[in-house]
Amino acid sequence: MSIILFIVFGLIVGLLARALLPGRQSMGIGMTILLGVAGSFVGGFIGALLTDSRVTDFNTAGMIGSVIGAVLLLLLVGARGRHAHV
């Protein structure tokens, strides 16, 4: 059951990250879930570095960090994609 919650949380985080960034991101639901999951890991590691919590702890700061991590990843992927087409 926890894997389903992890996927749903990844989808929510990915959708929030995509909604916060202007412009069009051409990715499907699967990539949005992967973006949210990866963003959760990035945000969790950043949060663990700044606080005394663990990466896997579930708290408000972790949720905000997950969205921030997903936005950072989306910016990196978007920047890389623009340079690849030049």
C-alpha atoms as a PDB file:
ATOM      1  CA  MET A   1       0.000   0.000   0.000  1.00  0.00           C
ATOM      2  CA  SER A   2       2.863   2.428   0.679  1.00  0.00           C
ATOM      3  CA  ILE A   3       4.082   2.230  -2.933  1.00  0.00           C
ATOM      4  CA  ILE A   4       0.675   3.434  -4.136  1.00  0.00           C
ATOM      5  CA  LEU A   5       0.801   6.380  -1.726  1.00  0.00           C
ATOM      6  CA  PHE A   6       4.344   7.137  -2.905  1.00  0.00           C
ATOM      7  CA  ILE A   7       3.174   7.220  -6.539  1.00  0.00           C
ATOM      8  CA  VAL A   8       0.162   9.395  -5.706  1.00  0.00           C
ATOM      9  CA  PHE A   9       2.360  11.783  -3.712  1.00  0.00           C
ATOM     10  CA  GLY A  10       4.811  11.922  -6.629  1.00  0.00           C
ATOM     11  CA  LEU A  11       1.961  12.759  -8.990  1.00  0.00           C
ATOM     12  CA  ILE A  12       0.718  15.572  -6.740  1.00  0.00           C
ATOM     13  CA  VAL A  13       4.215  17.022  -6.285  1.00  0.00           C
ATOM     14  CA  GLY A  14       4.912  16.762 -10.020  1.00  0.00           C
ATOM     15  CA  LEU A  15       1.645  18.479 -10.915  1.00  0.00           C
ATOM     16  CA  LEU A  16       2.315  21.275  -8.416  1.00  0.00           C
ATOM     17  CA  ALA A  17       5.821  21.800  -9.806  1.00  0.00           C
ATOM     18  CA  ARG A  18       4.506  21.940 -13.361  1.00  0.00           C
ATOM     19  CA  ALA A  19       1.776  24.391 -12.310  1.00  0.00           C
ATOM     20  CA  LEU A  20       4.279  26.701 -10.608  1.00  0.00           C
ATOM     21  CA  LEU A  21       6.545  27.039 -13.641  1.00  0.00           C
ATOM     22  CA  PRO A  22       5.395  29.212 -16.529  1.00  0.00           C
ATOM     23  CA  GLY A  23       5.440  27.772 -20.001  1.00  0.00           C
ATOM     24  CA  ARG A  24       4.560  24.414 -21.422  1.00  0.00           C
ATOM     25  CA  GLN A  25       6.214  21.220 -20.267  1.00  0.00           C
ATOM     26  CA  SER A  26       5.556  18.412 -22.698  1.00  0.00           C
ATOM     27  CA  MET A  27       5.473  15.327 -20.497  1.00  0.00           C
ATOM     28  CA  GLY A  28       2.907  12.697 -19.725  1.00  0.00           C
ATOM     29  CA  ILE A  29       1.546  11.423 -16.441  1.00  0.00           C
ATOM     30  CA  GLY A  30       4.382   8.896 -16.036  1.00  0.00           C
ATOM     31  CA  MET A  31       7.061  11.544 -16.391  1.00  0.00           C
ATOM     32  CA  THR A  32       5.141  13.827 -14.044  1.00  0.00           C
ATOM     33  CA  ILE A  33       5.124  11.056 -11.419  1.00  0.00           C
ATOM     34  CA  LEU A  34       8.859  10.478 -11.913  1.00  0.00           C
ATOM     35  CA  LEU A  35       9.456  14.227 -11.627  1.00  0.00           C
ATOM     36  CA  GLY A  36       7.523  14.329  -8.342  1.00  0.00           C
ATOM     37  CA  VAL A  37       9.291  11.276  -6.911  1.00  0.00           C
ATOM     38  CA  ALA A  38      12.735  12.567  -7.892  1.00  0.00           C
ATOM     39  CA  GLY A  39      11.822  16.012  -6.571  1.00  0.00           C
ATOM     40  CA  SER A  40      10.799  14.431  -3.283  1.00  0.00           C
ATOM     41  CA  PHE A  41      14.222  12.846  -2.960  1.00  0.00           C
ATOM     42  CA  VAL A  42      16.021  16.080  -3.852  1.00  0.00           C
ATOM     43  CA  GLY A  43      13.859  18.099  -1.466  1.00  0.00           C
ATOM     44  CA  GLY A  44      14.246  15.474   1.243  1.00  0.00           C
ATOM     45  CA  PHE A  45      18.022  15.565   0.997  1.00  0.00           C
ATOM     46  CA  ILE A  46      18.088  19.368   1.056  1.00  0.00           C
ATOM     47  CA  GLY A  47      15.747  19.365   4.058  1.00  0.00           C
ATOM     48  CA  ALA A  48      17.884  16.768   5.836  1.00  0.00           C
ATOM     49  CA  LEU A  49      20.961  18.919   5.295  1.00  0.00           C
ATOM     50  CA  LEU A  50      19.275  22.008   6.741  1.00  0.00           C
ATOM     51  CA  THR A  51      17.430  20.373   9.654  1.00  0.00           C
ATOM     52  CA  ASP A  52      17.924  17.428  11.966  1.00  0.00           C
ATOM     53  CA  SER A  53      15.167  15.364  10.318  1.00  0.00           C
ATOM     54  CA  ARG A  54      15.688  12.244   8.223  1.00  0.00           C
ATOM     55  CA  VAL A  55      15.158  12.134   4.468  1.00  0.00           C
ATOM     56  CA  THR A  56      12.179   9.791   4.790  1.00  0.00           C
ATOM     57  CA  ASP A  57      10.344  11.791   7.480  1.00  0.00           C
ATOM     58  CA  PHE A  58       6.895  13.016   6.462  1.00  0.00           C
ATOM     59  CA  ASN A  59       6.288  16.605   7.558  1.00  0.00           C
ATOM     60  CA  THR A  60       5.226  19.969   6.162  1.00  0.00           C
ATOM     61  CA  ALA A  61       8.781  21.094   5.459  1.00  0.00           C
ATOM     62  CA  GLY A  62       9.353  17.866   3.563  1.00  0.00           C
ATOM     63  CA  MET A  63       6.310  18.441   1.384  1.00  0.00           C
ATOM     64  CA  ILE A  64       7.404  22.002   0.589  1.00  0.00           C
ATOM     65  CA  GLY A  65      10.937  20.757  -0.043  1.00  0.00           C
ATOM     66  CA  SER A  66       9.567  18.098  -2.385  1.00  0.00           C
ATOM     67  CA  VAL A  67       7.823  20.703  -4.506  1.00  0.00           C
ATOM     68  CA  ILE A  68      10.935  22.910  -4.504  1.00  0.00           C
ATOM     69  CA  GLY A  69      13.073  19.925  -5.504  1.00  0.00           C
ATOM     70  CA  ALA A  70      10.699  19.053  -8.335  1.00  0.00           C
ATOM     71  CA  VAL A  71      10.710  22.662  -9.557  1.00  0.00           C
ATOM     72  CA  LEU A  72      14.529  22.640  -9.557  1.00  0.00           C
ATOM     73  CA  LEU A  73      14.592  19.399 -11.529  1.00  0.00           C
ATOM     74  CA  LEU A  74      12.040  20.747 -13.975  1.00  0.00           C
ATOM     75  CA  LEU A  75      14.164  23.870 -14.474  1.00  0.00           C
ATOM     76  CA  LEU A  76      17.245  21.729 -15.101  1.00  0.00           C
ATOM     77  CA  VAL A  77      15.446  19.493 -17.581  1.00  0.00           C
ATOM     78  CA  GLY A  78      13.928  22.511 -19.331  1.00  0.00           C
ATOM     79  CA  ALA A  79      17.279  24.281 -19.584  1.00  0.00           C
ATOM     80  CA  ARG A  80      18.943  21.162 -20.914  1.00  0.00           C
ATOM     81  CA  GLY A  81      16.163  20.636 -23.445  1.00  0.00           C
ATOM     82  CA  ARG A  82      16.474  24.199 -24.816  1.00  0.00           C
ATOM     83  CA  HIS A  83      20.235  23.830 -25.330  1.00  0.00           C
ATOM     84  CA  ALA A  84      19.882  20.461 -27.027  1.00  0.00           C
ATOM     85  CA  HIS A  85      17.724  21.933 -29.807  1.00  0.00           C
ATOM     86  CA  VAL A  86      20.035  24.853 -30.634  1.00  0.00           C
END
